[in-house]
C-alpha atoms as a PDB file:
ATOM      1  CA  MET A   1      27.910   0.687 111.441  1.00  0.00           C
ATOM      2  CA  MET A   2      29.579   3.484 113.420  1.00  0.00           C
ATOM      3  CA  THR A   3      28.739   1.738 116.698  1.00  0.00           C
ATOM      4  CA  MET A   4      30.391  -1.462 115.479  1.00  0.00           C
ATOM      5  CA  ARG A   5      33.520   0.466 114.487  1.00  0.00           C
ATOM      6  CA  VAL A   6      33.689   2.045 117.957  1.00  0.00           C
ATOM      7  CA  ILE A   7      33.267  -1.361 119.637  1.00  0.00           C
ATOM      8  CA  HIS A   8      35.916  -2.825 117.347  1.00  0.00           C
ATOM      9  CA  ILE A   9      38.456  -0.093 118.079  1.00  0.00           C
ATOM     10  CA  LEU A  10      37.808  -0.253 121.835  1.00  0.00           C
ATOM     11  CA  THR A  11      38.098  -4.038 122.085  1.00  0.00           C
ATOM     12  CA  SER A  12      41.207  -4.053 119.898  1.00  0.00           C
ATOM     13  CA  GLY A  13      42.756  -1.298 122.000  1.00  0.00           C
ATOM     14  CA  VAL A  14      42.132  -3.129 125.264  1.00  0.00           C
ATOM     15  CA  LEU A  15      43.581  -6.321 123.771  1.00  0.00           C
ATOM     16  CA  PHE A  16      46.673  -4.529 122.491  1.00  0.00           C
ATOM     17  CA  GLY A  17      47.220  -2.702 125.798  1.00  0.00           C
ATOM     18  CA  GLY A  18      46.790  -5.941 127.719  1.00  0.00           C
ATOM     19  CA  LEU A  19      49.372  -7.670 125.565  1.00  0.00           C
ATOM     20  CA  VAL A  20      51.819  -4.767 125.823  1.00  0.00           C
ATOM     21  CA  PHE A  21      51.475  -4.768 129.616  1.00  0.00           C
ATOM     22  CA  ASP A  22      51.760  -8.579 129.787  1.00  0.00           C
ATOM     23  CA  GLN A  23      48.335  -9.380 131.219  1.00  0.00           C
ATOM     24  CA  ALA A  24      47.224 -12.982 131.660  1.00  0.00           C
ATOM     25  CA  PRO A  25      45.953 -14.651 128.475  1.00  0.00           C
ATOM     26  CA  ALA A  26      42.764 -15.772 130.250  1.00  0.00           C
ATOM     27  CA  SER A  27      41.824 -12.166 131.026  1.00  0.00           C
ATOM     28  CA  LEU A  28      42.478 -11.035 127.439  1.00  0.00           C
ATOM     29  CA  MET A  29      40.837 -13.890 125.555  1.00  0.00           C
ATOM     30  CA  PRO A  30      37.345 -12.305 125.709  1.00  0.00           C
ATOM     31  CA  TRP A  31      38.835  -9.113 124.234  1.00  0.00           C
ATOM     32  CA  LEU A  32      40.487 -11.116 121.461  1.00  0.00           C
ATOM     33  CA  TRP A  33      37.197 -12.772 120.515  1.00  0.00           C
ATOM     34  CA  SER A  34      35.303  -9.482 120.828  1.00  0.00           C
ATOM     35  CA  ALA A  35      37.760  -7.793 118.467  1.00  0.00           C
ATOM     36  CA  ALA A  36      37.454 -10.688 116.006  1.00  0.00           C
ATOM     37  CA  LEU A  37      33.657 -10.797 116.215  1.00  0.00           C
ATOM     38  CA  SER A  38      33.196  -7.038 115.847  1.00  0.00           C
ATOM     39  CA  GLY A  39      35.555  -7.061 112.849  1.00  0.00           C
ATOM     40  CA  ALA A  40      33.615  -9.938 111.296  1.00  0.00           C
ATOM     41  CA  ILE A  41      30.339  -8.047 111.794  1.00  0.00           C
ATOM     42  CA  ILE A  42      31.790  -4.964 110.087  1.00  0.00           C
ATOM     43  CA  LEU A  43      32.934  -7.148 107.199  1.00  0.00           C
ATOM     44  CA  ALA A  44      29.477  -8.756 106.971  1.00  0.00           C
ATOM     45  CA  ILE A  45      27.823  -5.318 106.844  1.00  0.00           C
ATOM     46  CA  ASP A  46      30.175  -4.277 104.047  1.00  0.00           C
ATOM     47  CA  MET A  47      29.559  -7.546 102.213  1.00  0.00           C
ATOM     48  CA  HIS A  48      25.806  -6.947 102.453  1.00  0.00           C
ATOM     49  CA  ALA A  49      26.340  -3.840 100.295  1.00  0.00           C
ATOM     50  CA  SER A  50      28.639  -5.692  97.896  1.00  0.00           C
ATOM     51  CA  CYS A  51      30.687  -8.875  98.094  1.00  0.00           C
ATOM     52  CA  ALA A  52      33.160  -7.126  95.794  1.00  0.00           C
ATOM     53  CA  ILE A  53      34.952  -6.032  98.980  1.00  0.00           C
ATOM     54  CA  LEU A  54      36.508  -9.496  99.127  1.00  0.00           C
ATOM     55  CA  CYS A  55      38.384  -8.744  95.887  1.00  0.00           C
ATOM     56  CA  GLU A  56      39.376  -5.175  96.784  1.00  0.00           C
ATOM     57  CA  VAL A  57      42.485  -3.935  98.592  1.00  0.00           C
ATOM     58  CA  ARG A  58      40.439  -3.259 101.726  1.00  0.00           C
ATOM     59  CA  GLY A  59      39.005  -6.803 101.704  1.00  0.00           C
ATOM     60  CA  VAL A  60      42.409  -8.401 101.324  1.00  0.00           C
ATOM     61  CA  ALA A  61      43.593  -6.199 104.200  1.00  0.00           C
ATOM     62  CA  VAL A  62      40.678  -7.432 106.344  1.00  0.00           C
ATOM     63  CA  ALA A  63      41.532 -11.052 105.535  1.00  0.00           C
ATOM     64  CA  ALA A  64      45.166 -10.454 106.501  1.00  0.00           C
ATOM     65  CA  LYS A  65      44.161  -8.721 109.741  1.00  0.00           C
ATOM     66  CA  MET A  66      41.743 -11.475 110.742  1.00  0.00           C
ATOM     67  CA  THR A  67      44.327 -14.149 110.029  1.00  0.00           C
ATOM     68  CA  LEU A  68      46.956 -12.378 112.122  1.00  0.00           C
ATOM     69  CA  LEU A  69      44.449 -11.726 114.902  1.00  0.00           C
ATOM     70  CA  MET A  70      43.570 -15.408 115.105  1.00  0.00           C
ATOM     71  CA  LEU A  71      47.278 -16.278 115.169  1.00  0.00           C
ATOM     72  CA  VAL A  72      47.547 -14.329 118.434  1.00  0.00           C
ATOM     73  CA  SER A  73      45.621 -17.118 120.184  1.00  0.00           C
ATOM     74  CA  ILE A  74      48.193 -19.649 118.930  1.00  0.00           C
ATOM     75  CA  PHE A  75      51.380 -17.578 119.230  1.00  0.00           C
ATOM     76  CA  TRP A  76      50.544 -15.624 122.382  1.00  0.00           C
ATOM     77  CA  ASP A  77      54.168 -14.651 123.071  1.00  0.00           C
ATOM     78  CA  GLN A  78      54.298 -12.939 119.672  1.00  0.00           C
ATOM     79  CA  GLY A  79      50.956 -11.174 120.232  1.00  0.00           C
ATOM     80  CA  VAL A  80      52.387  -7.658 120.488  1.00  0.00           C
ATOM     81  CA  TYR A  81      54.172  -8.057 117.149  1.00  0.00           C
ATOM     82  CA  LEU A  82      51.146  -9.635 115.483  1.00  0.00           C
ATOM     83  CA  LEU A  83      48.765  -6.939 116.743  1.00  0.00           C
ATOM     84  CA  THR A  84      51.201  -4.181 115.817  1.00  0.00           C
ATOM     85  CA  THR A  85      51.171  -5.568 112.283  1.00  0.00           C
ATOM     86  CA  VAL A  86      47.356  -5.739 112.354  1.00  0.00           C
ATOM     87  CA  MET A  87      47.162  -2.111 113.454  1.00  0.00           C
ATOM     88  CA  ILE A  88      49.603  -0.944 110.794  1.00  0.00           C
ATOM     89  CA  ILE A  89      47.629  -2.753 108.082  1.00  0.00           C
ATOM     90  CA  GLY A  90      44.399  -1.320 109.505  1.00  0.00           C
ATOM     91  CA  VAL A  91      45.625   2.249 109.614  1.00  0.00           C
ATOM     92  CA  PHE A  92      47.004   2.168 106.092  1.00  0.00           C
ATOM     93  CA  SER A  93      44.052   0.335 104.542  1.00  0.00           C
ATOM     94  CA  SER A  94      41.479   2.543 106.295  1.00  0.00           C
ATOM     95  CA  HIS A  95      43.153   5.855 105.567  1.00  0.00           C
ATOM     96  CA  MET A  96      44.468   5.376 102.039  1.00  0.00           C
ATOM     97  CA  SER A  97      42.554   7.205  99.363  1.00  0.00           C
ATOM     98  CA  ARG A  98      39.352   5.665  98.068  1.00  0.00           C
ATOM     99  CA  LYS A  99      41.061   5.221  94.697  1.00  0.00           C
ATOM    100  CA  TYR A 100      43.402   2.621  96.194  1.00  0.00           C
ATOM    101  CA  ARG A 101      41.244   1.214  99.014  1.00  0.00           C
ATOM    102  CA  HIS A 102      38.500   0.176  96.576  1.00  0.00           C
ATOM    103  CA  ARG A 103      40.860  -1.033  93.851  1.00  0.00           C
ATOM    104  CA  LEU A 104      40.035  -4.533  92.714  1.00  0.00           C
ATOM    105  CA  ILE A 105      42.895  -7.001  92.998  1.00  0.00           C
ATOM    106  CA  PHE A 106      40.977 -10.007  91.665  1.00  0.00           C
ATOM    107  CA  PHE A 107      38.400 -10.299  88.856  1.00  0.00           C
ATOM    108  CA  SER A 108      38.552  -6.612  87.965  1.00  0.00           C
ATOM    109  CA  ASP A 109      37.051  -7.317  84.553  1.00  0.00           C
ATOM    110  CA  ARG A 110      33.931  -8.982  86.031  1.00  0.00           C
ATOM    111  CA  ILE A 111      33.096  -7.190  89.294  1.00  0.00           C
ATOM    112  CA  VAL A 112      31.449  -3.841  90.004  1.00  0.00           C
ATOM    113  CA  THR A 113      32.582  -2.296  93.280  1.00  0.00           C
ATOM    114  CA  ASP A 114      30.456  -0.709  95.997  1.00  0.00           C
ATOM    115  CA  GLU A 115      29.920   2.975  95.233  1.00  0.00           C
ATOM    116  CA  ARG A 116      29.185   4.070  98.807  1.00  0.00           C
ATOM    117  CA  ARG A 117      31.481   6.610 100.436  1.00  0.00           C
ATOM    118  CA  GLY A 118      33.702   5.491 103.302  1.00  0.00           C
END
C-alpha cells in the first residue's frame, strides 16, 4: 500500500510540474494515466477492506479527484487549475481527522465502516 502511495504521489507530481511548465501533452499523457491507475489501485485496495469507503467522505473525495483528473485529458488548457483542485481536495481529505474522513455521507444507518487506522 505504501509503495502505491509513493508511486501515486510521484506520478501526480510529475504531471502537475509538466502542466505548470507547459510541457507537450504527448509527453505527459503517460504520467496522467499512471496517476489515474495508481489512484485506482489504492482505491481498490481500500475497497478490498471495505466497500464502505465509497459512501464515506474520503471515497467521495476520491471520486471527485478521479473525475477531475480525467477531465484534464479533455480540457488540457485548464489542466493546472484542475490538478490544483485535485491536490487541494487530496490534501484536505487525506489530512483531516479520522472522525471526518471516515464519516458516512450515504447509507449511514446500514453500513459499517472500515476500522483500520490510516
